[in-house]
C-alpha cells in the first residue's frame, strides 16, 4: 500500500485518497492563504499548494520528510467583466448567501492546485472543472444556510457531495476536483512516480 503524507486536514481529501487504497498520514500545518492583489486564480492555487506542502514537511519528522508528500488547495471562481473573481470560504452567513446567489446565477470554475514532492522530485499541477447550478428559491437558500456545516469551511460555500448536490445541473471536468481533489489525475502521477524509469 502506497503511503502518502498529506499536508491537509480536509476530511474530504483524506476520504477520497483512503477510498482509493492509499495509506494517508495527515500532516497539516498552518500557512498564510491570503490572496495577493490581482493574483490570477491558477497562480493563487499553485502558490498555496506549494506553501502547504512546504509547511507540512517543515513540521514533520526526518523519516516522514523523506516520504511521498501531497498538498492541495481548491478555490471557486468566476469570470466577470472586471476579471476573475475568487470565492473563498465564507466568513459568515451573509457572505455565504451572497456567494451562493452569484454561483447559482452564472457558471463558475472550481480549480485545485496540487503539489507532489518526494524521492522522484517536485511536481505542481492544476485541474479546473466548470460548474453550472440551477437558480434556487430564497426558501431553499435560507434552509441551506440554516445548516452551518453545509457551507462553513467550504470554498464557495458549498460541497457538491452534500446538500448542494441538487443544485448542480452540469459539470465539465472532474467531479472529485469539485469535492476537493482531482483523484484520478493525482493517482496517475503518484503511481508513475513509484515506477522506475
Protein backbone atom coordinates (compact mmCIF):
# COMPACT_ATOMS: atom_id res chain seq x y z
CA UNK A 1 0.00 0.00 0.00
CA UNK A 2 1.41 3.38 -1.03
CA UNK A 3 1.94 5.67 1.96
CA UNK A 4 1.38 9.38 1.34
CA UNK A 5 1.96 12.26 3.72
CA UNK A 6 -0.94 14.66 3.17
CA UNK A 7 -0.34 18.30 4.09
CA UNK A 8 -4.04 18.84 4.69
CA UNK A 9 -6.67 18.24 7.34
CA UNK A 10 -9.52 18.11 4.79
CA UNK A 11 -11.73 15.13 5.64
CA UNK A 12 -12.91 15.08 2.02
CA UNK A 13 -9.38 14.69 0.62
CA UNK A 14 -8.50 12.08 3.21
CA UNK A 15 -11.65 10.07 2.42
CA UNK A 16 -11.03 10.22 -1.35
CA UNK A 17 -7.42 9.05 -1.04
CA UNK A 18 -8.12 6.31 1.51
CA UNK A 19 -11.02 5.13 -0.64
CA UNK A 20 -8.53 4.73 -3.49
CA UNK A 21 -6.45 2.35 -1.36
CA UNK A 22 -3.71 4.69 -0.16
CA UNK A 23 -2.32 4.87 3.34
CA UNK A 24 -2.76 8.53 4.31
CA UNK A 25 -0.94 10.27 7.14
CA UNK A 26 -2.35 13.77 7.64
CA UNK A 27 0.35 16.31 8.46
CA UNK A 28 -1.30 19.73 8.07
CA UNK A 29 0.48 22.90 9.14
CA UNK A 30 -0.76 26.49 9.14
CA UNK A 31 0.21 28.75 6.26
CA UNK A 32 -0.91 32.17 5.09
CA UNK A 33 -3.62 31.72 2.44
CA UNK A 34 -4.16 35.43 1.73
CA UNK A 35 -4.52 36.19 -1.98
CA UNK A 36 -2.20 38.80 -3.45
CA UNK A 37 -3.92 41.81 -5.07
CA UNK A 38 -4.78 40.96 -8.67
CA UNK A 39 -3.43 37.41 -8.36
CA UNK A 40 -4.95 35.11 -11.03
CA UNK A 41 -6.82 32.07 -9.63
CA UNK A 42 -4.43 29.48 -11.09
CA UNK A 43 -1.37 31.31 -9.78
CA UNK A 44 -3.02 31.52 -6.37
CA UNK A 45 -3.81 27.80 -6.01
CA UNK A 46 -0.35 26.80 -7.24
CA UNK A 47 1.31 29.11 -4.70
CA UNK A 48 -0.88 27.94 -1.81
CA UNK A 49 -0.50 24.24 -2.65
CA UNK A 50 3.27 24.64 -2.61
CA UNK A 51 3.15 26.66 0.63
CA UNK A 52 1.01 23.99 2.32
CA UNK A 53 3.41 21.26 1.23
CA UNK A 54 6.45 23.18 2.46
CA UNK A 55 4.77 23.95 5.80
CA UNK A 56 3.74 20.32 6.31
CA UNK A 57 7.22 18.99 5.57
CA UNK A 58 8.88 21.51 7.89
CA UNK A 59 6.84 20.20 10.81
CA UNK A 60 7.43 16.52 10.04
CA UNK A 61 9.95 14.07 11.43
CA UNK A 62 13.08 13.37 9.32
CA UNK A 63 11.70 9.98 8.30
CA UNK A 64 8.36 11.44 7.23
CA UNK A 65 10.07 14.33 5.44
CA UNK A 66 11.71 11.88 3.01
CA UNK A 67 8.43 10.20 2.05
CA UNK A 68 5.89 10.95 -0.66
CA UNK A 69 4.05 14.22 0.02
CA UNK A 70 0.85 15.70 -1.36
CA UNK A 71 -0.74 19.08 -0.75
CA UNK A 72 -3.71 20.75 -2.43
CA UNK A 73 -5.78 23.89 -2.39
CA UNK A 74 -9.18 24.35 -4.03
CA UNK A 75 -10.87 27.60 -4.99
CA UNK A 76 -14.10 28.61 -6.65
CA UNK A 77 -14.00 31.47 -9.13
CA UNK A 78 -15.98 33.04 -11.94
CA UNK A 79 -15.31 35.26 -14.91
CA UNK A 80 -16.67 38.79 -14.52
CA UNK A 81 -16.41 41.98 -16.56
CA UNK A 82 -13.73 43.17 -14.10
CA UNK A 83 -11.74 39.93 -14.41
CA UNK A 84 -11.69 36.67 -12.42
CA UNK A 85 -13.43 36.80 -9.04
CA UNK A 86 -12.37 34.26 -6.41
CA UNK A 87 -14.68 32.92 -3.72
CA UNK A 88 -13.00 31.51 -0.63
CA UNK A 89 -14.57 30.00 2.46
CA UNK A 90 -17.40 32.31 3.61
CA UNK A 91 -16.72 34.13 6.86
CA UNK A 92 -20.39 34.25 7.86
CA UNK A 93 -23.94 33.55 6.74
CA UNK A 94 -24.28 36.84 4.85
CA UNK A 95 -21.14 36.17 2.80
CA UNK A 96 -22.27 32.61 2.12
CA UNK A 97 -25.66 33.90 0.90
CA UNK A 98 -24.09 36.48 -1.42
CA UNK A 99 -21.61 33.93 -2.79
CA UNK A 100 -24.23 31.27 -3.47
CA UNK A 101 -26.61 33.72 -5.14
CA UNK A 102 -23.79 34.62 -7.52
CA UNK A 103 -22.79 31.00 -8.19
CA UNK A 104 -26.38 29.97 -8.89
CA UNK A 105 -26.77 32.81 -11.38
CA UNK A 106 -23.67 32.24 -13.51
CA UNK A 107 -21.39 29.33 -14.45
CA UNK A 108 -18.27 29.11 -12.32
CA UNK A 109 -14.98 27.25 -12.14
CA UNK A 110 -13.51 25.06 -9.41
CA UNK A 111 -9.72 24.84 -9.57
CA UNK A 112 -7.46 22.69 -7.43
CA UNK A 113 -3.74 23.29 -7.29
CA UNK A 114 -1.88 20.20 -6.12
CA UNK A 115 1.76 19.55 -5.39
CA UNK A 116 3.74 16.32 -5.03
CA UNK A 117 7.22 16.00 -3.56
CA UNK A 118 9.36 13.05 -2.60
CA UNK A 119 12.12 10.79 -3.92
CA UNK A 120 11.01 11.38 -7.54
CA UNK A 121 11.18 15.16 -7.19
CA UNK A 122 8.71 18.03 -7.07
CA UNK A 123 5.62 18.47 -9.27
CA UNK A 124 2.96 21.17 -9.36
CA UNK A 125 -0.36 20.81 -11.21
CA UNK A 126 -3.79 22.39 -11.55
CA UNK A 127 -7.15 20.94 -12.53
CA UNK A 128 -10.24 23.01 -13.36
CA UNK A 129 -13.88 21.91 -13.54
CA UNK A 130 -16.67 24.13 -14.87
CA UNK A 131 -19.92 24.02 -12.89
CA UNK A 132 -23.46 25.16 -13.68
CA UNK A 133 -26.08 25.44 -10.94
CA UNK A 134 -29.81 25.98 -11.16
CA UNK A 135 -31.38 29.04 -9.59
CA UNK A 136 -32.65 28.22 -6.12
CA UNK A 137 -35.55 29.84 -4.32
CA UNK A 138 -35.00 32.12 -1.35
CA UNK A 139 -36.61 29.48 0.88
CA UNK A 140 -34.21 26.77 -0.38
CA UNK A 141 -31.21 29.01 0.11
CA UNK A 142 -32.16 30.08 3.63
CA UNK A 143 -32.88 26.49 4.64
CA UNK A 144 -29.46 25.51 3.31
CA UNK A 145 -27.80 28.34 5.24
CA UNK A 146 -29.51 27.20 8.46
CA UNK A 147 -27.12 24.23 8.43
CA UNK A 148 -23.71 25.81 9.08
CA UNK A 149 -21.92 22.55 8.36
CA UNK A 150 -23.19 22.72 4.77
CA UNK A 151 -21.30 25.90 3.91
CA UNK A 152 -18.74 26.66 6.61
CA UNK A 153 -15.11 25.78 5.74
CA UNK A 154 -16.01 25.10 2.08
CA UNK A 155 -14.71 27.09 -0.88
CA UNK A 156 -17.65 28.85 -2.49
CA UNK A 157 -19.87 27.90 0.45
CA UNK A 158 -20.93 24.51 -0.87
CA UNK A 159 -19.98 20.86 -1.01
CA UNK A 160 -21.10 19.11 -4.19
CA UNK A 161 -21.26 15.79 -2.33
CA UNK A 162 -23.79 17.11 0.22
CA UNK A 163 -26.93 19.27 0.26
CA UNK A 164 -25.89 21.40 -2.73
CA UNK A 165 -25.72 18.31 -4.98
CA UNK A 166 -29.31 19.01 -6.05
CA UNK A 167 -28.35 22.46 -7.27
CA UNK A 168 -25.70 21.34 -9.78
CA UNK A 169 -27.09 20.80 -13.28
CA UNK A 170 -23.93 20.32 -15.37
CA UNK A 171 -20.24 19.59 -14.86
CA UNK A 172 -17.41 19.80 -17.37
CA UNK A 173 -14.39 18.09 -15.85
CA UNK A 174 -13.55 16.08 -12.76
CA UNK A 175 -16.30 15.59 -10.17
CA UNK A 176 -13.81 14.77 -7.41
CA UNK A 177 -11.99 18.01 -8.20
CA UNK A 178 -15.11 19.86 -7.03
CA UNK A 179 -15.11 17.71 -3.88
CA UNK A 180 -11.53 18.91 -3.24
CA UNK A 181 -9.04 16.78 -5.19
CA UNK A 182 -8.86 15.55 -8.81
CA UNK A 183 -8.40 11.97 -7.67
CA UNK A 184 -7.79 10.22 -11.00
CA UNK A 185 -5.17 12.77 -12.06
CA UNK A 186 -3.40 12.57 -8.69
CA UNK A 187 -3.36 8.75 -8.77
CA UNK A 188 -1.86 8.68 -12.27
CA UNK A 189 1.06 10.82 -11.12
CA UNK A 190 1.53 9.02 -7.80
CA UNK A 191 1.70 5.61 -9.48
CA UNK A 192 4.03 6.90 -12.21
CA UNK A 193 6.38 8.20 -9.51
CA UNK A 194 6.64 4.72 -7.97
CA UNK A 195 7.67 3.10 -11.28
CA UNK A 196 11.42 3.19 -12.02
CA UNK A 197 12.26 4.93 -15.32
